[in-house]
C-alpha atoms as a PDB file:
ATOM      1  CA  UNK A   1      40.249  29.220 -33.535  1.00  0.00           C
ATOM      2  CA  UNK A   2      36.611  28.441 -34.298  1.00  0.00           C
ATOM      3  CA  UNK A   3      33.837  30.804 -33.258  1.00  0.00           C
ATOM      4  CA  UNK A   4      32.525  28.295 -30.717  1.00  0.00           C
ATOM      5  CA  UNK A   5      35.980  27.847 -29.192  1.00  0.00           C
ATOM      6  CA  UNK A   6      36.444  31.616 -29.061  1.00  0.00           C
ATOM      7  CA  UNK A   7      33.136  32.092 -27.263  1.00  0.00           C
ATOM      8  CA  UNK A   8      33.936  29.216 -24.918  1.00  0.00           C
ATOM      9  CA  UNK A   9      37.338  30.690 -24.118  1.00  0.00           C
ATOM     10  CA  UNK A  10      35.844  34.154 -23.563  1.00  0.00           C
ATOM     11  CA  UNK A  11      33.132  32.708 -21.323  1.00  0.00           C
ATOM     12  CA  UNK A  12      35.764  30.866 -19.336  1.00  0.00           C
ATOM     13  CA  UNK A  13      37.714  34.091 -18.817  1.00  0.00           C
ATOM     14  CA  UNK A  14      34.578  35.923 -17.707  1.00  0.00           C
ATOM     15  CA  UNK A  15      33.694  33.068 -15.362  1.00  0.00           C
ATOM     16  CA  UNK A  16      37.169  33.043 -13.838  1.00  0.00           C
ATOM     17  CA  UNK A  17      37.128  36.833 -13.495  1.00  0.00           C
ATOM     18  CA  UNK A  18      33.645  36.701 -11.956  1.00  0.00           C
ATOM     19  CA  UNK A  19      34.721  34.048  -9.496  1.00  0.00           C
ATOM     20  CA  UNK A  20      37.778  36.105  -8.545  1.00  0.00           C
ATOM     21  CA  UNK A  21      35.589  39.153  -8.078  1.00  0.00           C
ATOM     22  CA  UNK A  22      33.172  37.186  -5.914  1.00  0.00           C
ATOM     23  CA  UNK A  23      36.058  35.931  -3.792  1.00  0.00           C
ATOM     24  CA  UNK A  24      37.213  39.500  -3.236  1.00  0.00           C
ATOM     25  CA  UNK A  25      33.831  40.655  -1.926  1.00  0.00           C
ATOM     26  CA  UNK A  26      33.859  41.425   1.764  1.00  0.00           C
ATOM     27  CA  UNK A  27      30.818  42.089   3.900  1.00  0.00           C
ATOM     28  CA  UNK A  28      30.754  44.446   6.857  1.00  0.00           C
ATOM     29  CA  UNK A  29      27.937  44.955   9.332  1.00  0.00           C
ATOM     30  CA  UNK A  30      27.424  48.134  11.337  1.00  0.00           C
ATOM     31  CA  UNK A  31      25.515  48.029  14.629  1.00  0.00           C
ATOM     32  CA  UNK A  32      23.153  50.992  15.021  1.00  0.00           C
ATOM     33  CA  UNK A  33      20.166  51.441  17.353  1.00  0.00           C
ATOM     34  CA  UNK A  34      16.392  51.821  17.179  1.00  0.00           C
ATOM     35  CA  UNK A  35      14.961  52.802  13.813  1.00  0.00           C
ATOM     36  CA  UNK A  36      13.639  56.111  15.180  1.00  0.00           C
ATOM     37  CA  UNK A  37      17.068  57.194  16.471  1.00  0.00           C
ATOM     38  CA  UNK A  38      20.016  58.935  14.865  1.00  0.00           C
ATOM     39  CA  UNK A  39      22.304  55.880  15.351  1.00  0.00           C
ATOM     40  CA  UNK A  40      20.262  54.058  12.744  1.00  0.00           C
ATOM     41  CA  UNK A  41      20.706  56.992  10.364  1.00  0.00           C
ATOM     42  CA  UNK A  42      24.469  57.060  11.057  1.00  0.00           C
ATOM     43  CA  UNK A  43      24.863  53.396  10.135  1.00  0.00           C
ATOM     44  CA  UNK A  44      22.588  53.587   7.109  1.00  0.00           C
ATOM     45  CA  UNK A  45      24.347  56.746   5.886  1.00  0.00           C
ATOM     46  CA  UNK A  46      27.812  55.221   6.190  1.00  0.00           C
ATOM     47  CA  UNK A  47      26.664  52.087   4.391  1.00  0.00           C
ATOM     48  CA  UNK A  48      25.091  54.133   1.615  1.00  0.00           C
ATOM     49  CA  UNK A  49      28.431  55.855   0.961  1.00  0.00           C
ATOM     50  CA  UNK A  50      30.466  52.643   1.276  1.00  0.00           C
ATOM     51  CA  UNK A  51      28.172  50.776  -1.119  1.00  0.00           C
ATOM     52  CA  UNK A  52      28.583  53.463  -3.780  1.00  0.00           C
ATOM     53  CA  UNK A  53      32.119  52.120  -4.266  1.00  0.00           C
ATOM     54  CA  UNK A  54      31.438  48.376  -3.934  1.00  0.00           C
ATOM     55  CA  UNK A  55      32.409  47.691  -7.553  1.00  0.00           C
ATOM     56  CA  UNK A  56      35.843  49.171  -6.868  1.00  0.00           C
ATOM     57  CA  UNK A  57      36.469  48.088  -3.278  1.00  0.00           C
ATOM     58  CA  UNK A  58      34.531  44.820  -3.089  1.00  0.00           C
ATOM     59  CA  UNK A  59      33.112  45.909   0.291  1.00  0.00           C
ATOM     60  CA  UNK A  60      29.376  45.535   0.897  1.00  0.00           C
ATOM     61  CA  UNK A  61      27.828  47.136   3.950  1.00  0.00           C
ATOM     62  CA  UNK A  62      24.646  46.545   5.952  1.00  0.00           C
ATOM     63  CA  UNK A  63      23.447  48.415   9.052  1.00  0.00           C
ATOM     64  CA  UNK A  64      20.616  46.642  10.891  1.00  0.00           C
ATOM     65  CA  UNK A  65      18.693  48.071  13.819  1.00  0.00           C
ATOM     66  CA  UNK A  66      20.124  46.905  17.168  1.00  0.00           C
ATOM     67  CA  UNK A  67      19.736  47.404  20.904  1.00  0.00           C
ATOM     68  CA  UNK A  68      22.184  50.323  20.952  1.00  0.00           C
ATOM     69  CA  UNK A  69      25.595  51.215  22.358  1.00  0.00           C
ATOM     70  CA  UNK A  70      26.343  48.376  24.776  1.00  0.00           C
ATOM     71  CA  UNK A  71      24.859  45.774  22.460  1.00  0.00           C
ATOM     72  CA  UNK A  72      26.935  47.091  19.553  1.00  0.00           C
ATOM     73  CA  UNK A  73      30.218  47.004  21.475  1.00  0.00           C
ATOM     74  CA  UNK A  74      29.534  43.470  22.685  1.00  0.00           C
ATOM     75  CA  UNK A  75      28.643  42.363  19.153  1.00  0.00           C
ATOM     76  CA  UNK A  76      31.901  43.809  17.813  1.00  0.00           C
ATOM     77  CA  UNK A  77      33.805  42.043  20.595  1.00  0.00           C
ATOM     78  CA  UNK A  78      32.176  38.695  19.738  1.00  0.00           C
ATOM     79  CA  UNK A  79      32.754  39.175  16.007  1.00  0.00           C
ATOM     80  CA  UNK A  80      29.033  39.410  15.154  1.00  0.00           C
ATOM     81  CA  UNK A  81      29.426  43.022  14.007  1.00  0.00           C
ATOM     82  CA  UNK A  82      32.306  44.673  12.172  1.00  0.00           C
ATOM     83  CA  UNK A  83      31.688  48.199  13.418  1.00  0.00           C
ATOM     84  CA  UNK A  84      29.084  50.086  15.376  1.00  0.00           C
ATOM     85  CA  UNK A  85      27.859  53.310  16.914  1.00  0.00           C
ATOM     86  CA  UNK A  86      28.285  53.848  20.659  1.00  0.00           C
ATOM     87  CA  UNK A  87      28.066  56.661  23.147  1.00  0.00           C
ATOM     88  CA  UNK A  88      31.441  58.161  24.066  1.00  0.00           C
ATOM     89  CA  UNK A  89      31.036  57.044  27.694  1.00  0.00           C
ATOM     90  CA  UNK A  90      30.345  53.472  26.596  1.00  0.00           C
ATOM     91  CA  UNK A  91      33.476  53.559  24.417  1.00  0.00           C
ATOM     92  CA  UNK A  92      35.494  54.700  27.433  1.00  0.00           C
ATOM     93  CA  UNK A  93      34.091  52.111  29.821  1.00  0.00           C
ATOM     94  CA  UNK A  94      34.391  49.236  27.351  1.00  0.00           C
ATOM     95  CA  UNK A  95      38.048  49.958  26.623  1.00  0.00           C
ATOM     96  CA  UNK A  96      38.967  50.586  30.264  1.00  0.00           C
ATOM     97  CA  UNK A  97      36.702  47.988  31.879  1.00  0.00           C
ATOM     98  CA  UNK A  98      35.423  50.701  34.192  1.00  0.00           C
ATOM     99  CA  UNK A  99      31.689  50.040  34.389  1.00  0.00           C
ATOM    100  CA  UNK A 100      29.639  47.010  35.495  1.00  0.00           C
ATOM    101  CA  UNK A 101      28.842  46.059  31.897  1.00  0.00           C
ATOM    102  CA  UNK A 102      32.534  45.771  31.011  1.00  0.00           C
ATOM    103  CA  UNK A 103      34.253  44.539  34.149  1.00  0.00           C
ATOM    104  CA  UNK A 104      36.583  41.540  34.173  1.00  0.00           C
ATOM    105  CA  UNK A 105      36.341  39.374  31.067  1.00  0.00           C
ATOM    106  CA  UNK A 106      33.932  41.856  29.489  1.00  0.00           C
ATOM    107  CA  UNK A 107      36.679  44.466  29.154  1.00  0.00           C
ATOM    108  CA  UNK A 108      37.347  45.096  25.453  1.00  0.00           C
ATOM    109  CA  UNK A 109      41.002  46.087  25.050  1.00  0.00           C
ATOM    110  CA  UNK A 110      40.809  45.506  21.283  1.00  0.00           C
ATOM    111  CA  UNK A 111      38.165  48.207  20.886  1.00  0.00           C
ATOM    112  CA  UNK A 112      39.310  50.893  18.462  1.00  0.00           C
ATOM    113  CA  UNK A 113      37.916  54.346  17.747  1.00  0.00           C
ATOM    114  CA  UNK A 114      37.203  55.419  14.179  1.00  0.00           C
ATOM    115  CA  UNK A 115      35.619  58.869  14.603  1.00  0.00           C
ATOM    116  CA  UNK A 116      33.022  60.679  16.693  1.00  0.00           C
ATOM    117  CA  UNK A 117      29.796  61.997  15.263  1.00  0.00           C
ATOM    118  CA  UNK A 118      27.087  64.278  16.714  1.00  0.00           C
ATOM    119  CA  UNK A 119      26.473  65.478  20.287  1.00  0.00           C
ATOM    120  CA  UNK A 120      23.864  63.486  22.225  1.00  0.00           C
ATOM    121  CA  UNK A 121      22.134  65.242  25.109  1.00  0.00           C
ATOM    122  CA  UNK A 122      20.555  63.064  27.810  1.00  0.00           C
ATOM    123  CA  UNK A 123      16.936  63.979  27.128  1.00  0.00           C
ATOM    124  CA  UNK A 124      13.948  63.587  29.445  1.00  0.00           C
ATOM    125  CA  UNK A 125      10.441  64.123  28.061  1.00  0.00           C
ATOM    126  CA  UNK A 126       7.449  64.194  30.428  1.00  0.00           C
ATOM    127  CA  UNK A 127       3.687  64.429  30.084  1.00  0.00           C
ATOM    128  CA  UNK A 128       2.560  67.881  31.198  1.00  0.00           C
ATOM    129  CA  UNK A 129      -0.210  66.388  33.344  1.00  0.00           C
ATOM    130  CA  UNK A 130       2.474  64.537  35.357  1.00  0.00           C
ATOM    131  CA  UNK A 131       3.800  67.889  36.703  1.00  0.00           C
ATOM    132  CA  UNK A 132       7.473  67.055  36.128  1.00  0.00           C
ATOM    133  CA  UNK A 133       9.540  70.251  35.953  1.00  0.00           C
ATOM    134  CA  UNK A 134      12.908  68.858  37.098  1.00  0.00           C
ATOM    135  CA  UNK A 135      14.685  65.514  37.251  1.00  0.00           C
ATOM    136  CA  UNK A 136      13.936  65.279  40.996  1.00  0.00           C
ATOM    137  CA  UNK A 137      10.226  65.308  40.150  1.00  0.00           C
ATOM    138  CA  UNK A 138      10.653  61.868  38.553  1.00  0.00           C
ATOM    139  CA  UNK A 139      10.656  60.236  41.980  1.00  0.00           C
ATOM    140  CA  UNK A 140       7.542  58.115  42.368  1.00  0.00           C
ATOM    141  CA  UNK A 141       6.672  58.449  38.658  1.00  0.00           C
ATOM    142  CA  UNK A 142       6.365  55.899  35.850  1.00  0.00           C
ATOM    143  CA  UNK A 143       9.515  56.257  33.770  1.00  0.00           C
ATOM    144  CA  UNK A 144      10.784  54.418  30.717  1.00  0.00           C
ATOM    145  CA  UNK A 145      14.479  54.103  31.568  1.00  0.00           C
ATOM    146  CA  UNK A 146      15.641  52.527  28.274  1.00  0.00           C
ATOM    147  CA  UNK A 147      15.933  49.055  26.833  1.00  0.00           C
ATOM    148  CA  UNK A 148      18.657  46.610  27.945  1.00  0.00           C
ATOM    149  CA  UNK A 149      21.853  47.159  25.950  1.00  0.00           C
ATOM    150  CA  UNK A 150      21.053  50.798  25.232  1.00  0.00           C
ATOM    151  CA  UNK A 151      23.147  53.822  26.042  1.00  0.00           C
ATOM    152  CA  UNK A 152      20.232  55.640  27.646  1.00  0.00           C
ATOM    153  CA  UNK A 153      19.723  52.865  30.205  1.00  0.00           C
ATOM    154  CA  UNK A 154      23.441  52.948  31.015  1.00  0.00           C
ATOM    155  CA  UNK A 155      23.406  56.746  31.363  1.00  0.00           C
ATOM    156  CA  UNK A 156      20.232  56.688  33.444  1.00  0.00           C
ATOM    157  CA  UNK A 157      21.944  54.280  35.850  1.00  0.00           C
ATOM    158  CA  UNK A 158      24.914  56.668  36.087  1.00  0.00           C
ATOM    159  CA  UNK A 159      22.588  59.565  36.933  1.00  0.00           C
ATOM    160  CA  UNK A 160      20.733  57.494  39.526  1.00  0.00           C
ATOM    161  CA  UNK A 161      24.023  56.462  41.152  1.00  0.00           C
ATOM    162  CA  UNK A 162      25.157  60.100  41.248  1.00  0.00           C
ATOM    163  CA  UNK A 163      21.928  61.111  42.986  1.00  0.00           C
ATOM    164  CA  UNK A 164      21.908  58.116  45.333  1.00  0.00           C
ATOM    165  CA  UNK A 165      18.735  56.745  43.767  1.00  0.00           C
ATOM    166  CA  UNK A 166      17.796  53.278  42.531  1.00  0.00           C
ATOM    167  CA  UNK A 167      15.175  52.093  40.052  1.00  0.00           C
ATOM    168  CA  UNK A 168      12.927  51.531  43.067  1.00  0.00           C
ATOM    169  CA  UNK A 169      12.598  55.306  43.375  1.00  0.00           C
ATOM    170  CA  UNK A 170      10.237  55.127  40.383  1.00  0.00           C
ATOM    171  CA  UNK A 171       6.761  53.649  40.717  1.00  0.00           C
ATOM    172  CA  UNK A 172       7.497  51.937  37.385  1.00  0.00           C
ATOM    173  CA  UNK A 173      10.819  51.575  35.538  1.00  0.00           C
ATOM    174  CA  UNK A 174       9.893  50.190  32.144  1.00  0.00           C
ATOM    175  CA  UNK A 175      12.474  49.100  29.551  1.00  0.00           C
ATOM    176  CA  UNK A 176      10.750  49.836  26.256  1.00  0.00           C
ATOM    177  CA  UNK A 177      12.716  50.358  23.055  1.00  0.00           C
ATOM    178  CA  UNK A 178      12.926  53.864  21.549  1.00  0.00           C
ATOM    179  CA  UNK A 179      10.373  52.969  18.875  1.00  0.00           C
ATOM    180  CA  UNK A 180       7.857  52.008  21.566  1.00  0.00           C
ATOM    181  CA  UNK A 181       8.313  54.664  24.226  1.00  0.00           C
ATOM    182  CA  UNK A 182       6.675  57.605  22.440  1.00  0.00           C
ATOM    183  CA  UNK A 183       3.426  55.688  22.036  1.00  0.00           C
ATOM    184  CA  UNK A 184       3.616  54.634  25.694  1.00  0.00           C
ATOM    185  CA  UNK A 185       3.899  58.293  26.727  1.00  0.00           C
ATOM    186  CA  UNK A 186       0.949  59.241  24.533  1.00  0.00           C
ATOM    187  CA  UNK A 187      -1.152  56.324  25.807  1.00  0.00           C
ATOM    188  CA  UNK A 188      -0.481  57.360  29.437  1.00  0.00           C
ATOM    189  CA  UNK A 189       1.387  54.138  30.226  1.00  0.00           C
ATOM    190  CA  UNK A 190       4.385  56.139  31.463  1.00  0.00           C
ATOM    191  CA  UNK A 191       4.808  59.654  32.805  1.00  0.00           C
ATOM    192  CA  UNK A 192       8.252  60.267  31.283  1.00  0.00           C
ATOM    193  CA  UNK A 193      10.744  58.802  28.835  1.00  0.00           C
ATOM    194  CA  UNK A 194      14.516  59.216  28.486  1.00  0.00           C
ATOM    195  CA  UNK A 195      16.584  59.211  25.340  1.00  0.00           C
ATOM    196  CA  UNK A 196      20.298  59.902  24.807  1.00  0.00           C
ATOM    197  CA  UNK A 197      20.063  61.102  21.238  1.00  0.00           C
ATOM    198  CA  UNK A 198      20.948  63.740  18.683  1.00  0.00           C
ATOM    199  CA  UNK A 199      18.418  66.457  17.907  1.00  0.00           C
ATOM    200  CA  UNK A 200      16.041  66.974  16.246  1.00  0.00           C
ATOM    201  CA  UNK A 201      14.709  63.461  16.825  1.00  0.00           C
ATOM    202  CA  UNK A 202      11.655  61.929  15.173  1.00  0.00           C
ATOM    203  CA  UNK A 203      10.647  59.874  18.197  1.00  0.00           C
ATOM    204  CA  UNK A 204      10.584  62.927  20.477  1.00  0.00           C
ATOM    205  CA  UNK A 205       8.749  64.942  17.819  1.00  0.00           C
ATOM    206  CA  UNK A 206       6.169  62.153  17.720  1.00  0.00           C
ATOM    207  CA  UNK A 207       5.840  62.135  21.512  1.00  0.00           C
ATOM    208  CA  UNK A 208       5.435  65.916  21.846  1.00  0.00           C
ATOM    209  CA  UNK A 209       2.915  66.113  18.994  1.00  0.00           C
ATOM    210  CA  UNK A 210       0.829  63.196  20.302  1.00  0.00           C
ATOM    211  CA  UNK A 211       0.379  64.466  23.852  1.00  0.00           C
ATOM    212  CA  UNK A 212       1.047  67.732  25.693  1.00  0.00           C
ATOM    213  CA  UNK A 213       4.586  67.208  26.944  1.00  0.00           C
ATOM    214  CA  UNK A 214       7.707  69.109  27.928  1.00  0.00           C
ATOM    215  CA  UNK A 215      11.447  68.566  28.025  1.00  0.00           C
ATOM    216  CA  UNK A 216      12.871  68.313  31.534  1.00  0.00           C
ATOM    217  CA  UNK A 217      16.202  69.905  32.562  1.00  0.00           C
ATOM    218  CA  UNK A 218      18.843  67.579  34.008  1.00  0.00           C
ATOM    219  CA  UNK A 219      21.141  69.775  36.060  1.00  0.00           C
ATOM    220  CA  UNK A 220      22.364  70.469  39.570  1.00  0.00           C
ATOM    221  CA  UNK A 221      25.409  69.778  41.752  1.00  0.00           C
ATOM    222  CA  UNK A 222      25.391  66.026  41.152  1.00  0.00           C
ATOM    223  CA  UNK A 223      25.414  66.550  37.391  1.00  0.00           C
ATOM    224  CA  UNK A 224      28.168  69.172  37.691  1.00  0.00           C
ATOM    225  CA  UNK A 225      30.282  66.650  39.604  1.00  0.00           C
ATOM    226  CA  UNK A 226      29.637  63.976  36.961  1.00  0.00           C
ATOM    227  CA  UNK A 227      30.896  66.326  34.259  1.00  0.00           C
ATOM    228  CA  UNK A 228      33.947  67.378  36.268  1.00  0.00           C
ATOM    229  CA  UNK A 229      34.974  63.790  37.023  1.00  0.00           C
ATOM    230  CA  UNK A 230      34.317  62.214  33.610  1.00  0.00           C
ATOM    231  CA  UNK A 231      35.961  63.620  30.463  1.00  0.00           C
ATOM    232  CA  UNK A 232      33.405  61.989  28.149  1.00  0.00           C
ATOM    233  CA  UNK A 233      30.536  64.088  29.581  1.00  0.00           C
ATOM    234  CA  UNK A 234      29.803  67.736  28.824  1.00  0.00           C
ATOM    235  CA  UNK A 235      27.032  70.220  29.479  1.00  0.00           C
ATOM    236  CA  UNK A 236      24.475  70.364  26.676  1.00  0.00           C
ATOM    237  CA  UNK A 237      21.578  72.579  25.685  1.00  0.00           C
ATOM    238  CA  UNK A 238      18.562  71.547  23.621  1.00  0.00           C
ATOM    239  CA  UNK A 239      17.371  74.683  21.802  1.00  0.00           C
ATOM    240  CA  UNK A 240      13.908  75.976  22.636  1.00  0.00           C
ATOM    241  CA  UNK A 241      11.205  75.756  20.003  1.00  0.00           C
ATOM    242  CA  UNK A 242      12.511  72.499  18.572  1.00  0.00           C
ATOM    243  CA  UNK A 243       9.627  70.521  20.077  1.00  0.00           C
ATOM    244  CA  UNK A 244       6.025  71.426  20.921  1.00  0.00           C
ATOM    245  CA  UNK A 245       5.567  72.323  24.579  1.00  0.00           C
ATOM    246  CA  UNK A 246       9.114  73.556  25.206  1.00  0.00           C
ATOM    247  CA  UNK A 247       9.716  77.131  24.081  1.00  0.00           C
ATOM    248  CA  UNK A 248      12.835  77.798  26.163  1.00  0.00           C
ATOM    249  CA  UNK A 249      16.232  76.112  26.068  1.00  0.00           C
ATOM    250  CA  UNK A 250      16.584  72.927  28.129  1.00  0.00           C
ATOM    251  CA  UNK A 251      19.817  72.472  30.083  1.00  0.00           C
ATOM    252  CA  UNK A 252      21.142  68.965  30.439  1.00  0.00           C
ATOM    253  CA  UNK A 253      24.381  67.069  29.886  1.00  0.00           C
ATOM    254  CA  UNK A 254      25.462  64.539  27.336  1.00  0.00           C
ATOM    255  CA  UNK A 255      27.941  62.518  25.389  1.00  0.00           C
ATOM    256  CA  UNK A 256      28.948  62.154  21.775  1.00  0.00           C
ATOM    257  CA  UNK A 257      27.983  59.431  19.386  1.00  0.00           C
ATOM    258  CA  UNK A 258      31.132  57.604  18.305  1.00  0.00           C
ATOM    259  CA  UNK A 259      31.893  55.112  15.573  1.00  0.00           C
ATOM    260  CA  UNK A 260      33.984  52.165  16.743  1.00  0.00           C
ATOM    261  CA  UNK A 261      35.442  48.878  15.547  1.00  0.00           C
ATOM    262  CA  UNK A 262      37.892  46.159  16.601  1.00  0.00           C
ATOM    263  CA  UNK A 263      41.662  45.967  16.177  1.00  0.00           C
ATOM    264  CA  UNK A 264      40.974  42.662  14.401  1.00  0.00           C
ATOM    265  CA  UNK A 265      39.262  44.384  11.457  1.00  0.00           C
ATOM    266  CA  UNK A 266      41.731  44.753   8.547  1.00  0.00           C
ATOM    267  CA  UNK A 267      43.348  48.146   8.108  1.00  0.00           C
ATOM    268  CA  UNK A 268      42.262  48.535   4.486  1.00  0.00           C
ATOM    269  CA  UNK A 269      38.597  47.874   5.333  1.00  0.00           C
ATOM    270  CA  UNK A 270      38.506  50.622   7.955  1.00  0.00           C
ATOM    271  CA  UNK A 271      40.432  52.936   5.642  1.00  0.00           C
ATOM    272  CA  UNK A 272      37.873  52.415   2.866  1.00  0.00           C
ATOM    273  CA  UNK A 273      34.979  53.154   5.245  1.00  0.00           C
ATOM    274  CA  UNK A 274      36.641  56.324   6.541  1.00  0.00           C
ATOM    275  CA  UNK A 275      37.443  57.399   2.984  1.00  0.00           C
ATOM    276  CA  UNK A 276      33.824  56.831   1.916  1.00  0.00           C
ATOM    277  CA  UNK A 277      32.611  59.180   4.651  1.00  0.00           C
ATOM    278  CA  UNK A 278      35.172  61.984   4.459  1.00  0.00           C
ATOM    279  CA  UNK A 279      35.676  61.951   0.680  1.00  0.00           C
ATOM    280  CA  UNK A 280      31.908  62.560   0.467  1.00  0.00           C
ATOM    281  CA  UNK A 281      31.581  64.670   3.592  1.00  0.00           C
ATOM    282  CA  UNK A 282      29.103  67.244   2.284  1.00  0.00           C
ATOM    283  CA  UNK A 283      26.846  64.424   1.141  1.00  0.00           C
ATOM    284  CA  UNK A 284      27.172  62.757   4.570  1.00  0.00           C
ATOM    285  CA  UNK A 285      26.325  65.999   6.423  1.00  0.00           C
ATOM    286  CA  UNK A 286      23.174  66.362   4.358  1.00  0.00           C
ATOM    287  CA  UNK A 287      21.760  62.995   5.408  1.00  0.00           C
ATOM    288  CA  UNK A 288      20.460  64.185   8.823  1.00  0.00           C
ATOM    289  CA  UNK A 289      20.062  67.573  10.564  1.00  0.00           C
ATOM    290  CA  UNK A 290      22.138  66.295  13.522  1.00  0.00           C
ATOM    291  CA  UNK A 291      25.164  66.118  11.168  1.00  0.00           C
ATOM    292  CA  UNK A 292      24.822  69.707   9.974  1.00  0.00           C
ATOM    293  CA  UNK A 293      27.551  71.249  12.147  1.00  0.00           C
ATOM    294  CA  UNK A 294      30.068  68.393  12.047  1.00  0.00           C
ATOM    295  CA  UNK A 295      33.712  69.264  11.398  1.00  0.00           C
ATOM    296  CA  UNK A 296      36.229  66.545  10.418  1.00  0.00           C
ATOM    297  CA  UNK A 297      38.990  67.693  12.773  1.00  0.00           C
ATOM    298  CA  UNK A 298      36.620  67.662  15.761  1.00  0.00           C
ATOM    299  CA  UNK A 299      35.328  64.215  14.814  1.00  0.00           C
ATOM    300  CA  UNK A 300      38.886  62.927  15.042  1.00  0.00           C
ATOM    301  CA  UNK A 301      39.899  64.814  18.197  1.00  0.00           C
ATOM    302  CA  UNK A 302      36.798  64.731  20.402  1.00  0.00           C
ATOM    303  CA  UNK A 303      34.948  61.904  22.145  1.00  0.00           C
ATOM    304  CA  UNK A 304      37.405  59.125  21.316  1.00  0.00           C
ATOM    305  CA  UNK A 305      39.004  57.467  24.339  1.00  0.00           C
ATOM    306  CA  UNK A 306      40.021  54.147  22.757  1.00  0.00           C
ATOM    307  CA  UNK A 307      43.058  54.222  20.414  1.00  0.00           C
ATOM    308  CA  UNK A 308      42.371  55.110  16.805  1.00  0.00           C
ATOM    309  CA  UNK A 309      42.256  52.152  14.434  1.00  0.00           C
ATOM    310  CA  UNK A 310      45.363  52.198  12.178  1.00  0.00           C
ATOM    311  CA  UNK A 311      43.163  52.278   9.060  1.00  0.00           C
ATOM    312  CA  UNK A 312      41.511  55.476  10.275  1.00  0.00           C
ATOM    313  CA  UNK A 313      44.764  56.900  11.582  1.00  0.00           C
ATOM    314  CA  UNK A 314      46.382  56.494   8.159  1.00  0.00           C
ATOM    315  CA  UNK A 315      43.657  58.529   6.460  1.00  0.00           C
ATOM    316  CA  UNK A 316      43.765  61.287   9.090  1.00  0.00           C
ATOM    317  CA  UNK A 317      47.546  61.617   8.800  1.00  0.00           C
ATOM    318  CA  UNK A 318      47.239  61.952   5.025  1.00  0.00           C
ATOM    319  CA  UNK A 319      44.718  64.754   5.545  1.00  0.00           C
ATOM    320  CA  UNK A 320      46.953  66.509   8.087  1.00  0.00           C
ATOM    321  CA  UNK A 321      44.310  66.188  10.830  1.00  0.00           C
ATOM    322  CA  UNK A 322      46.710  64.385  13.196  1.00  0.00           C
ATOM    323  CA  UNK A 323      50.483  64.316  13.414  1.00  0.00           C
END
């Protein structure tokens, strides 16, 4: 065979192999949250680990900023997202159709759990000059209740319902995104902000360093009843000294961040994502302080109310984490 024919034949083989490789590439998109929140870090961290193995698996991952829990679940349901991060209560309500956002046709029976991540206390931060020492002091104040589609807005509505309040009990109920609310607090456009988020959080650090502010406890008989009646809620404590202006511990309640997908996503794709995280678990834990105390067995057992996706279940059985 002539040199030219040999090169041509070799080029043809490379081209065919390249085309086959390109055909095998699969793209997944992970819904996160605001860029100042831990959800964004969760999605980016998972994608970073998944993309380390793209040459072997053919899976490429992106994790754009989104509106948060409810928006992510709805995007997965519509097929616009492959996976996403959502509060444990949102996972429960979406799968069971048990909240206004997921009633009727909005119920998502194909929602599947993958694993839970960090605890997320419901966090209220108030300007000190607003004299807000308890949640009840928010009545008549200007409060940023969370942007539409976010978990904090959904949780705030749950708290208001438990207390028999409505948004009209605030003099202003703004719906700013997490990236905007800290500046609004500092600029005296609101008296308080809420955030369901893992700690420490950059947005809250920004807020408490920009203006004299304090964390507000969220506790009392109504909150105790919420926790007793809903398995996805638990009491939570934000350690004192984490943020300027709050030296003592702050008692509140919260949920867990969970990682979810759809039953329609192929088993091998979910298995590769789970493998990327847990085969590199020490690396994953080092990507944010909120991940520091994570334990694999707890991530499988806690906070997940939808059925496990078979791709995740397979990995966990191999590890002996479930039977």
